[in-house]
Amino acid sequence: MGSCEDNKPIDRSGLVNIEENLIMPYGSGDYTYEVDQDWGKLPEGYEFNQVAGVAVDKEDNVYLYNRSEHQVMIFEKNGDFLNSWDVKFSNPHGMHIGPDGNFYFADRDAHVVLKYSPDQTLLLTLGTYNVESNTGYDGNLMVVPHPAGPFNLPTGVVVAEDGNIFVSDGYGNCRFHKFSPDGALLDTWGEAGKDNPMDFHLPHGIGLNKDGLLAICDRENHRIQFTDQDGEFMFIWDGFLQPTDITFGPDGEAYVSELQHRISILDAEGNLISRWADESSSSAGHFIAPHGIAVDSSKDIYVGEVLEGRRIQKFIRQ
């Protein structure tokens, strides 16, 4: 079991006051970063509202799943705007680019997960629009009274190499589900609770590590649970502050966004290797509400924020 709390605090002695217009380094060791304060050049009339999801394709283009008029925006690695989609969603939450190059979106309030081709053609719908499963959820941030099938406010999605689709189902449920590539429900796992492995209180972001294990951000239990692709519990990483999303880099390292104003980087065994920001701040390099995280081939990091954060930040590895 890995634990972020077992590691030494990050050395912040080299920090420089951002208010003096100097560049502040973030992180430590091989995972030290500088924030690109000019990244993300928007056309006139566009805005970052709440950037719920972030993904990077094989060409290092960056996709933002955004709660604004333009809900899918595409940028080059250097921050130049490329395009936006015309597709509209009810409430953007998590997104993923599959190994097939197609796009998967969790549309939370519509209770569906949608698969689109790069030319914006709808290929697959998981769930039924505006029909929620019965978990007894009453709209408060609560441990749901009982689990149910898909979906009740789904939160995240990830696709395995064989095309199977995994969905975390989230605010109004306590489960994650496995679907075949053509959308057939294969299995579902998770119980409502806070104490035991496979208990969930708001399963949020979901990812796949280099060994093919699922990593589910158990947000309100402040931990990440790992299972195999048949739902067999493996282990837990703990010590987070409301983890919202997880992605894995080219060397197996994990990047985690945490709603309580920080991000963490861990090695493949769960040892903390870099972390920064703990206090809520709108200053460059700090966070209010990190919600989505992605990493490109250079290990540069992109963090989308919600609530009053309403922005995307890029961190360039040094």
Protein backbone atom coordinates (compact mmCIF):
# COMPACT_ATOMS: atom_id res chain seq x y z
CA MET A 1 0.00 0.00 0.00
CA GLY A 2 1.37 3.41 -0.92
CA SER A 3 0.78 6.45 1.25
CA CYS A 4 1.53 10.05 0.40
CA GLU A 5 1.69 10.82 4.12
CA ASP A 6 4.74 8.60 4.57
CA ASN A 7 6.97 10.83 2.48
CA LYS A 8 9.02 13.84 3.44
CA PRO A 9 7.56 17.28 2.66
CA ILE A 10 8.66 18.94 -0.55
CA ASP A 11 11.50 21.45 -0.17
CA ARG A 12 10.04 24.88 -0.96
CA SER A 13 13.17 26.90 -0.17
CA GLY A 14 13.65 27.95 -3.78
CA LEU A 15 10.24 29.53 -4.21
CA VAL A 16 10.13 33.07 -5.57
CA ASN A 17 7.35 35.58 -5.05
CA ILE A 18 5.13 35.49 -8.13
CA GLU A 19 3.94 39.00 -7.39
CA GLU A 20 7.43 40.23 -8.30
CA ASN A 21 6.89 38.86 -11.84
CA LEU A 22 9.60 36.27 -11.37
CA ILE A 23 9.23 32.62 -12.30
CA MET A 24 8.51 30.27 -9.43
CA PRO A 25 9.68 26.66 -9.58
CA TYR A 26 7.22 23.99 -8.47
CA GLY A 27 7.81 20.42 -7.38
CA SER A 28 11.22 18.93 -6.69
CA GLY A 29 14.05 16.83 -8.11
CA ASP A 30 13.45 15.38 -11.56
CA TYR A 31 9.88 16.65 -11.39
CA THR A 32 10.45 20.37 -11.07
CA TYR A 33 8.25 22.66 -13.17
CA GLU A 34 7.68 26.25 -14.16
CA VAL A 35 4.23 27.57 -14.97
CA ASP A 36 3.59 28.96 -18.47
CA GLN A 37 1.54 32.02 -17.61
CA ASP A 38 0.66 32.74 -21.25
CA TRP A 39 -0.52 29.28 -22.27
CA GLY A 40 -3.93 28.98 -23.92
CA LYS A 41 -4.54 31.81 -26.35
CA LEU A 42 -8.30 32.17 -26.86
CA PRO A 43 -10.07 33.70 -29.87
CA GLU A 44 -12.31 36.68 -29.29
CA GLY A 45 -15.59 35.66 -27.65
CA TYR A 46 -14.18 32.46 -26.11
CA GLU A 47 -13.61 31.90 -22.41
CA PHE A 48 -12.40 29.31 -19.96
CA ASN A 49 -15.24 28.75 -17.58
CA GLN A 50 -14.93 25.58 -15.54
CA VAL A 51 -12.37 23.30 -17.19
CA ALA A 52 -13.66 19.94 -16.00
CA GLY A 53 -11.63 17.57 -18.19
CA VAL A 54 -8.26 17.61 -19.95
CA ALA A 55 -6.73 15.12 -22.40
CA VAL A 56 -3.68 14.99 -24.67
CA ASP A 57 -3.57 13.11 -27.97
CA LYS A 58 -0.64 11.29 -29.59
CA GLU A 59 0.47 14.49 -31.32
CA ASP A 60 0.49 16.38 -27.99
CA ASN A 61 -2.55 18.43 -28.91
CA VAL A 62 -4.49 19.39 -25.77
CA TYR A 63 -8.27 18.99 -25.46
CA LEU A 64 -10.28 20.85 -22.84
CA TYR A 65 -13.75 19.70 -21.76
CA ASN A 66 -15.15 22.99 -20.62
CA ARG A 67 -18.39 24.26 -19.04
CA SER A 68 -18.74 27.21 -21.36
CA GLU A 69 -20.30 28.07 -24.72
CA HIS A 70 -17.43 26.22 -26.43
CA GLN A 71 -17.35 22.95 -24.53
CA VAL A 72 -14.52 21.17 -26.37
CA MET A 73 -11.49 23.29 -27.22
CA ILE A 74 -8.32 22.10 -28.92
CA PHE A 75 -4.86 23.65 -28.51
CA GLU A 76 -1.39 22.95 -29.77
CA LYS A 77 1.29 22.05 -27.25
CA ASN A 78 2.54 25.65 -27.31
CA GLY A 79 -0.91 27.00 -26.41
CA ASP A 80 -2.04 28.18 -29.85
CA PHE A 81 -5.77 27.65 -30.37
CA LEU A 82 -6.64 25.12 -33.09
CA ASN A 83 -10.37 24.55 -33.07
CA SER A 84 -13.51 23.93 -31.04
CA TRP A 85 -16.35 21.45 -31.39
CA ASP A 86 -19.99 22.23 -32.10
CA VAL A 87 -21.25 19.38 -29.88
CA LYS A 88 -23.18 20.42 -26.76
CA PHE A 89 -23.26 18.58 -23.45
CA SER A 90 -25.46 18.94 -20.38
CA ASN A 91 -22.66 19.17 -17.81
CA PRO A 92 -19.10 18.31 -18.90
CA HIS A 93 -17.19 16.24 -16.38
CA GLY A 94 -14.49 13.71 -17.34
CA MET A 95 -13.05 12.94 -20.78
CA HIS A 96 -10.64 10.45 -22.31
CA ILE A 97 -9.00 9.83 -25.69
CA GLY A 98 -9.06 6.10 -26.32
CA PRO A 99 -6.34 3.97 -27.91
CA ASP A 100 -8.51 3.99 -31.05
CA GLY A 101 -8.21 7.80 -31.26
CA ASN A 102 -11.88 8.31 -30.46
CA PHE A 103 -13.18 10.60 -27.72
CA TYR A 104 -15.15 9.57 -24.65
CA PHE A 105 -17.08 12.09 -22.55
CA ALA A 106 -18.89 11.70 -19.23
CA ASP A 107 -21.90 14.03 -19.46
CA ARG A 108 -22.70 14.05 -15.79
CA ASP A 109 -26.15 15.59 -15.46
CA ALA A 110 -27.50 13.78 -18.54
CA HIS A 111 -26.46 10.42 -16.97
CA VAL A 112 -24.68 9.27 -20.13
CA VAL A 113 -21.21 8.58 -21.49
CA LEU A 114 -20.69 9.42 -25.16
CA LYS A 115 -18.16 8.21 -27.72
CA TYR A 116 -17.32 10.53 -30.61
CA SER A 117 -15.04 10.24 -33.60
CA PRO A 118 -12.50 13.03 -34.25
CA ASP A 119 -14.89 14.49 -36.84
CA GLN A 120 -17.56 14.89 -34.11
CA THR A 121 -19.72 11.93 -35.21
CA LEU A 122 -21.54 10.28 -32.31
CA LEU A 123 -20.53 6.61 -32.33
CA LEU A 124 -21.92 5.22 -29.07
CA THR A 125 -24.13 6.22 -26.14
CA LEU A 126 -23.83 4.47 -22.79
CA GLY A 127 -26.84 4.97 -20.55
CA THR A 128 -30.13 6.68 -21.32
CA TYR A 129 -30.37 10.45 -21.55
CA ASN A 130 -31.80 12.02 -18.40
CA VAL A 131 -32.61 8.66 -16.80
CA GLU A 132 -30.80 7.99 -13.53
CA SER A 133 -30.38 4.67 -11.73
CA ASN A 134 -32.08 4.32 -8.36
CA THR A 135 -29.56 4.62 -5.53
CA GLY A 136 -31.66 6.73 -3.16
CA TYR A 137 -29.38 9.70 -3.78
CA ASP A 138 -31.10 12.95 -2.75
CA GLY A 139 -28.73 15.51 -4.25
CA ASN A 140 -26.52 16.09 -1.21
CA LEU A 141 -22.87 15.08 -1.10
CA MET A 142 -23.70 11.91 0.78
CA VAL A 143 -22.78 8.26 0.95
CA VAL A 144 -25.54 6.89 -1.24
CA PRO A 145 -28.07 4.62 0.51
CA HIS A 146 -27.42 1.70 -1.84
CA PRO A 147 -25.55 0.95 -5.08
CA ALA A 148 -27.20 0.51 -8.46
CA GLY A 149 -26.36 0.00 -12.09
CA PRO A 150 -25.39 2.72 -14.55
CA PHE A 151 -25.73 5.69 -14.28
CA ASN A 152 -26.39 8.29 -11.61
CA LEU A 153 -24.26 11.34 -12.39
CA PRO A 154 -21.25 9.59 -14.01
CA THR A 155 -17.91 11.27 -13.54
CA GLY A 156 -15.04 9.66 -15.49
CA VAL A 157 -14.19 7.24 -18.28
CA VAL A 158 -11.13 5.31 -19.48
CA VAL A 159 -10.68 2.80 -22.31
CA ALA A 160 -8.40 -0.25 -22.23
CA GLU A 161 -6.27 -1.47 -25.12
CA ASP A 162 -8.86 -4.15 -25.96
CA GLY A 163 -11.55 -1.48 -26.30
CA ASN A 164 -13.41 -2.24 -23.08
CA ILE A 165 -14.79 0.93 -21.48
CA PHE A 166 -14.68 1.66 -17.74
CA VAL A 167 -16.85 4.38 -16.19
CA SER A 168 -16.75 5.83 -12.67
CA ASP A 169 -20.25 6.60 -11.47
CA GLY A 170 -19.92 9.01 -9.16
CA TYR A 171 -21.98 11.69 -7.49
CA GLY A 172 -25.20 9.70 -7.22
CA ASN A 173 -23.74 6.19 -7.17
CA CYS A 174 -20.80 4.35 -5.61
CA ARG A 175 -19.69 2.12 -8.45
CA PHE A 176 -17.60 1.72 -11.57
CA HIS A 177 -18.81 -0.21 -14.58
CA LYS A 178 -17.26 -2.23 -17.40
CA PHE A 179 -18.67 -2.13 -20.93
CA SER A 180 -17.68 -3.98 -24.07
CA PRO A 181 -16.45 -1.95 -27.06
CA ASP A 182 -19.98 -2.05 -28.53
CA GLY A 183 -21.55 -0.80 -25.29
CA ALA A 184 -22.82 -3.96 -23.60
CA LEU A 185 -22.66 -3.81 -19.80
CA LEU A 186 -20.25 -6.56 -18.69
CA ASP A 187 -19.95 -5.98 -14.95
CA THR A 188 -20.24 -3.44 -12.16
CA TRP A 189 -18.42 -3.12 -8.83
CA GLY A 190 -18.42 -1.07 -5.64
CA GLU A 191 -20.34 -0.60 -2.42
CA ALA A 192 -21.45 2.50 -0.53
CA GLY A 193 -19.20 3.25 2.40
CA LYS A 194 -16.05 4.74 3.85
CA ASP A 195 -14.26 1.97 5.71
CA ASN A 196 -13.44 -1.06 3.58
CA PRO A 197 -11.70 -1.74 0.28
CA MET A 198 -14.21 -1.39 -2.57
CA ASP A 199 -16.32 1.00 -0.47
CA PHE A 200 -16.70 4.26 -2.38
CA HIS A 201 -17.88 7.74 -1.50
CA LEU A 202 -17.97 9.55 -4.84
CA PRO A 203 -15.83 7.60 -7.31
CA HIS A 204 -14.52 10.43 -9.49
CA GLY A 205 -11.67 10.25 -12.02
CA ILE A 206 -10.51 6.89 -13.37
CA GLY A 207 -7.31 5.84 -15.12
CA LEU A 208 -5.24 2.84 -16.22
CA ASN A 209 -1.64 2.34 -15.14
CA LYS A 210 1.19 0.74 -17.12
CA ASP A 211 0.27 -2.69 -15.75
CA GLY A 212 -3.33 -2.37 -16.90
CA LEU A 213 -4.73 -1.81 -13.41
CA LEU A 214 -7.66 0.53 -12.92
CA ALA A 215 -7.12 3.49 -10.59
CA ILE A 216 -10.35 4.99 -9.22
CA CYS A 217 -10.27 8.32 -7.40
CA ASP A 218 -12.41 7.68 -4.30
CA ARG A 219 -12.83 11.40 -3.80
CA GLU A 220 -14.64 11.82 -0.50
CA ASN A 221 -12.64 8.98 1.06
CA HIS A 222 -9.42 10.82 0.12
CA ARG A 223 -7.83 7.79 -1.52
CA ILE A 224 -7.26 6.01 -4.83
CA GLN A 225 -8.31 2.38 -5.14
CA PHE A 226 -6.72 0.00 -7.64
CA THR A 227 -8.35 -3.07 -9.16
CA ASP A 228 -7.68 -5.33 -12.09
CA GLN A 229 -9.94 -5.12 -15.14
CA ASP A 230 -12.19 -7.84 -13.71
CA GLY A 231 -12.92 -5.78 -10.62
CA GLU A 232 -10.58 -7.65 -8.27
CA PHE A 233 -9.32 -5.32 -5.54
CA MET A 234 -5.53 -4.87 -5.55
CA PHE A 235 -4.39 -2.05 -3.24
CA ILE A 236 -5.01 1.52 -2.05
CA TRP A 237 -3.00 4.73 -2.19
CA ASP A 238 -4.07 7.16 0.51
CA GLY A 239 -3.11 10.56 1.89
CA PHE A 240 -4.87 12.71 -0.73
CA LEU A 241 -7.19 15.69 -0.33
CA GLN A 242 -10.25 14.85 -2.45
CA PRO A 243 -8.52 13.34 -5.49
CA THR A 244 -10.42 14.30 -8.63
CA ASP A 245 -8.44 12.83 -11.52
CA ILE A 246 -5.47 10.58 -12.23
CA THR A 247 -3.36 10.02 -15.32
CA PHE A 248 -0.13 8.11 -15.91
CA GLY A 249 3.04 9.23 -17.63
CA PRO A 250 5.38 7.39 -20.01
CA ASP A 251 7.44 5.90 -17.17
CA GLY A 252 4.44 4.73 -15.16
CA GLU A 253 4.41 7.72 -12.83
CA ALA A 254 1.00 8.94 -11.65
CA TYR A 255 -0.26 12.53 -11.76
CA VAL A 256 -3.15 13.32 -9.42
CA SER A 257 -5.29 16.45 -9.18
CA GLU A 258 -6.80 17.13 -5.77
CA LEU A 259 -9.80 19.38 -5.24
CA GLN A 260 -8.20 20.91 -2.15
CA HIS A 261 -5.82 23.08 -4.11
CA ARG A 262 -2.89 20.83 -5.02
CA ILE A 263 -1.46 18.22 -7.37
CA SER A 264 0.74 15.22 -6.56
CA ILE A 265 3.12 13.09 -8.60
CA LEU A 266 3.88 9.54 -7.46
CA ASP A 267 6.09 6.81 -8.80
CA ALA A 268 4.63 3.52 -10.03
CA GLU A 269 4.78 2.07 -6.50
CA GLY A 270 2.85 4.96 -4.97
CA ASN A 271 5.76 6.86 -3.42
CA LEU A 272 5.35 10.62 -3.48
CA ILE A 273 8.00 12.23 -5.67
CA SER A 274 6.62 15.76 -6.13
CA ARG A 275 3.75 17.89 -4.86
CA TRP A 276 2.89 21.55 -4.75
CA ALA A 277 0.30 24.08 -3.65
CA ASP A 278 -1.81 23.56 -0.54
CA GLU A 279 -3.59 26.88 -0.03
CA SER A 280 -6.39 28.11 -2.27
CA SER A 281 -5.06 30.85 -4.54
CA SER A 282 -5.70 32.28 -7.99
CA SER A 283 -2.01 33.18 -8.38
CA ALA A 284 -0.23 31.54 -11.29
CA GLY A 285 1.07 28.11 -10.32
CA HIS A 286 -1.37 27.74 -7.44
CA PHE A 287 -4.89 26.34 -7.46
CA ILE A 288 -8.43 26.87 -6.29
CA ALA A 289 -10.09 23.63 -7.44
CA PRO A 290 -8.05 21.26 -9.65
CA HIS A 291 -10.44 18.88 -11.43
CA GLY A 292 -8.78 17.43 -14.55
CA ILE A 293 -5.14 16.60 -15.25
CA ALA A 294 -3.18 15.41 -18.30
CA VAL A 295 0.46 14.98 -19.25
CA ASP A 296 2.15 15.14 -22.65
CA SER A 297 5.14 13.27 -24.10
CA SER A 298 7.56 15.77 -22.51
CA LYS A 299 5.96 15.23 -19.09
CA ASP A 300 4.55 18.75 -19.16
CA ILE A 301 1.38 18.91 -17.07
CA TYR A 302 -2.01 20.50 -17.84
CA VAL A 303 -4.41 21.18 -14.96
CA GLY A 304 -8.02 22.26 -15.44
CA GLU A 305 -9.89 23.96 -12.60
CA VAL A 306 -13.56 24.29 -11.67
CA LEU A 307 -15.59 26.28 -9.13
CA GLU A 308 -13.93 29.70 -8.89
CA GLY A 309 -10.75 28.41 -10.56
CA ARG A 310 -12.10 28.61 -14.12
CA ARG A 311 -8.83 28.16 -16.00
CA ILE A 312 -6.24 25.83 -17.45
CA GLN A 313 -2.61 25.95 -16.35
CA LYS A 314 0.39 24.40 -18.04
CA PHE A 315 3.49 23.39 -16.07
CA ILE A 316 6.69 22.89 -18.08
CA ARG A 317 9.12 20.29 -16.81
CA GLN A 318 12.60 21.66 -16.19
